[in-house]
Amino acid sequence: MADTELTTLLAVLNSKRAHVLGILEGLDEEALRRPVLPSGWTCLGLVQHLALDDEKFWFRAVAAGERTAIEEVLGSGQDAWQVAPGKAAEEIFDLYRREGELADALLAGADLDAAPRWWPDFFGGWRYDNLREVILHVITETATHAGHLDAVREIIDGRQRLVVT
């Protein structure tokens, strides 16, 4: 199969998704739920944010116009950064993986020049014009948050993802 722009974009996105999950490997529930920075977010809250506010929102709701996802986005009232106390870390990791898989399925064979099928009113006049811009936005968000997780992991236990010698 010939490499295409879409294939390349999805490969980059999937490498960033793997980075997010990989940097958290080996942390216990307490470490995943403990705020490390003054802003108060947790590693688990960040992963849930990526699952709901990035993967689900941008791909299922905005790009695909999936009615159920739109209704959940508009009506949930949930702060994606706050993980319910009874939810196990693996549930959040599974949610992130599942939203990524759903996004990949929606994007398979997509037209990068196609306009988003839904756009929320709360953005006012600002918008992305095509699917390419939506994908690049999610790549940027995911890479940025992966960097946040790298720094937090180093603070927690000294682990560094990339060690330069």
Protein backbone atom coordinates (compact mmCIF):
# COMPACT_ATOMS: atom_id res chain seq x y z
CA MET A 1 0.00 0.00 0.00
CA ALA A 2 1.40 3.37 -1.02
CA ASP A 3 2.08 5.85 1.74
CA THR A 4 -0.34 8.75 1.74
CA GLU A 5 -0.60 11.95 3.69
CA LEU A 6 -3.41 10.44 5.78
CA THR A 7 -1.33 7.33 6.49
CA THR A 8 1.55 9.52 7.60
CA LEU A 9 -0.62 11.73 9.81
CA LEU A 10 -2.19 8.69 11.50
CA ALA A 11 1.22 7.07 12.01
CA VAL A 12 2.46 10.22 13.76
CA LEU A 13 -0.70 10.43 15.88
CA ASN A 14 -0.42 6.77 16.86
CA SER A 15 3.21 7.23 17.88
CA LYS A 16 2.16 10.11 20.16
CA ARG A 17 -0.67 8.02 21.61
CA ALA A 18 1.82 5.24 22.35
CA HIS A 19 4.15 7.81 23.96
CA VAL A 20 1.35 8.93 26.32
CA LEU A 21 0.66 5.37 27.47
CA GLY A 22 4.30 4.30 27.45
CA ILE A 23 5.58 7.03 29.74
CA LEU A 24 3.00 6.00 32.35
CA GLU A 25 3.86 2.28 32.34
CA GLY A 26 4.82 1.00 35.74
CA LEU A 27 3.22 3.78 37.79
CA ASP A 28 0.84 2.60 40.49
CA GLU A 29 -2.68 3.96 41.06
CA GLU A 30 -1.50 6.37 43.75
CA ALA A 31 1.14 7.95 41.50
CA LEU A 32 -1.29 8.17 38.57
CA ARG A 33 -3.83 10.02 40.76
CA ARG A 34 -1.44 12.31 42.62
CA PRO A 35 -1.20 15.91 41.44
CA VAL A 36 2.44 16.79 40.93
CA LEU A 37 2.30 20.31 39.52
CA PRO A 38 0.69 23.36 41.15
CA SER A 39 -2.15 23.34 38.56
CA GLY A 40 -3.39 20.14 40.21
CA TRP A 41 -3.97 17.85 37.24
CA THR A 42 -3.09 14.17 37.51
CA CYS A 43 -1.59 11.78 34.97
CA LEU A 44 -4.84 9.83 34.88
CA GLY A 45 -6.87 13.02 34.46
CA LEU A 46 -4.69 14.05 31.54
CA VAL A 47 -5.25 10.69 29.80
CA GLN A 48 -9.00 10.98 30.33
CA HIS A 49 -8.84 14.54 28.95
CA LEU A 50 -7.08 13.24 25.84
CA ALA A 51 -9.70 10.51 25.41
CA LEU A 52 -12.74 12.75 25.80
CA ASP A 53 -11.69 16.30 24.92
CA ASP A 54 -9.39 15.39 22.05
CA GLU A 55 -10.09 11.98 20.53
CA LYS A 56 -13.86 11.87 21.11
CA PHE A 57 -14.56 15.58 20.69
CA TRP A 58 -12.41 16.35 17.66
CA PHE A 59 -12.82 13.11 15.73
CA ARG A 60 -16.18 11.60 16.61
CA ALA A 61 -18.08 14.84 17.23
CA VAL A 62 -16.41 17.52 15.07
CA ALA A 63 -14.90 15.55 12.18
CA ALA A 64 -17.52 12.81 11.84
CA GLY A 65 -20.56 14.64 13.20
CA GLU A 66 -21.52 11.56 15.20
CA ARG A 67 -24.78 12.55 16.92
CA THR A 68 -24.19 10.47 20.07
CA ALA A 69 -20.73 11.94 20.60
CA ILE A 70 -22.06 15.47 20.02
CA GLU A 71 -24.84 14.96 22.55
CA GLU A 72 -22.39 13.54 25.09
CA VAL A 73 -20.02 16.47 24.54
CA LEU A 74 -22.76 19.07 24.90
CA GLY A 75 -24.68 17.42 27.72
CA SER A 76 -22.16 15.67 29.92
CA GLY A 77 -21.17 18.57 32.16
CA GLN A 78 -18.17 16.39 33.04
CA ASP A 79 -14.75 17.86 33.64
CA ALA A 80 -12.65 15.38 31.71
CA TRP A 81 -9.62 16.23 33.84
CA GLN A 82 -11.33 14.81 36.95
CA VAL A 83 -11.37 11.02 37.18
CA ALA A 84 -14.10 9.46 39.30
CA PRO A 85 -12.61 7.89 42.45
CA GLY A 86 -14.03 4.44 41.65
CA LYS A 87 -12.53 4.25 38.15
CA ALA A 88 -9.43 2.11 37.90
CA ALA A 89 -6.46 3.39 35.92
CA GLU A 90 -6.84 0.56 33.42
CA GLU A 91 -10.40 1.73 32.68
CA ILE A 92 -9.07 5.16 31.73
CA PHE A 93 -6.27 3.65 29.63
CA ASP A 94 -8.84 1.40 27.90
CA LEU A 95 -11.08 4.41 27.25
CA TYR A 96 -8.15 6.23 25.63
CA ARG A 97 -7.24 3.21 23.49
CA ARG A 98 -10.89 2.69 22.48
CA GLU A 99 -11.40 6.35 21.51
CA GLY A 100 -8.19 6.16 19.46
CA GLU A 101 -9.42 3.03 17.69
CA LEU A 102 -12.81 4.63 16.98
CA ALA A 103 -11.05 7.72 15.63
CA ASP A 104 -8.79 5.61 13.40
CA ALA A 105 -11.81 3.75 12.02
CA LEU A 106 -13.57 7.04 11.25
CA LEU A 107 -10.48 8.45 9.60
CA ALA A 108 -9.63 5.40 7.48
CA GLY A 109 -9.87 6.52 3.88
CA ALA A 110 -11.14 9.98 4.84
CA ASP A 111 -10.80 12.99 2.57
CA LEU A 112 -8.38 15.36 4.29
CA ASP A 113 -9.90 18.30 2.43
CA ALA A 114 -13.43 17.57 3.70
CA ALA A 115 -14.95 20.10 6.05
CA PRO A 116 -15.81 19.02 9.60
CA ARG A 117 -19.37 17.64 9.71
CA TRP A 118 -20.20 19.53 12.92
CA TRP A 119 -18.87 22.68 14.51
CA PRO A 120 -19.82 23.81 18.03
CA ASP A 121 -21.40 27.23 18.42
CA PHE A 122 -19.25 27.94 21.48
CA PHE A 123 -16.21 28.54 19.24
CA GLY A 124 -17.87 31.61 17.73
CA GLY A 125 -16.48 32.55 14.31
CA TRP A 126 -13.25 30.56 14.64
CA ARG A 127 -13.11 27.16 12.94
CA TYR A 128 -10.98 24.59 11.19
CA ASP A 129 -11.70 24.33 7.49
CA ASN A 130 -10.85 20.69 6.89
CA LEU A 131 -10.06 17.32 8.40
CA ARG A 132 -6.32 17.82 7.89
CA GLU A 133 -6.40 20.78 10.30
CA VAL A 134 -8.39 18.76 12.84
CA ILE A 135 -5.88 15.89 12.74
CA LEU A 136 -2.93 18.27 13.04
CA HIS A 137 -4.62 19.90 16.04
CA VAL A 138 -5.02 16.55 17.81
CA ILE A 139 -1.42 15.58 17.00
CA THR A 140 -0.26 18.88 18.53
CA GLU A 141 -2.43 18.42 21.63
CA THR A 142 -1.29 14.83 22.11
CA ALA A 143 2.39 15.64 21.62
CA THR A 144 2.16 18.60 23.99
CA HIS A 145 0.53 16.51 26.70
CA ALA A 146 3.00 13.68 26.14
CA GLY A 147 5.73 16.20 26.97
CA HIS A 148 3.86 17.21 30.11
CA LEU A 149 3.73 13.55 31.13
CA ASP A 150 7.47 13.16 30.45
CA ALA A 151 8.24 15.99 32.87
CA VAL A 152 5.82 14.73 35.53
CA ARG A 153 7.16 11.19 35.28
CA GLU A 154 10.68 12.45 35.84
CA ILE A 155 9.50 14.36 38.92
CA ILE A 156 7.67 11.29 40.27
CA ASP A 157 10.44 8.72 40.03
CA GLY A 158 13.26 10.02 37.86
CA ARG A 159 12.32 7.94 34.81
CA GLN A 160 13.21 9.60 31.53
CA ARG A 161 11.73 8.45 28.26
CA LEU A 162 14.65 9.57 26.14
CA VAL A 163 18.01 9.41 27.81
CA VAL A 164 20.78 11.19 25.93
CA THR A 165 24.27 10.02 26.78
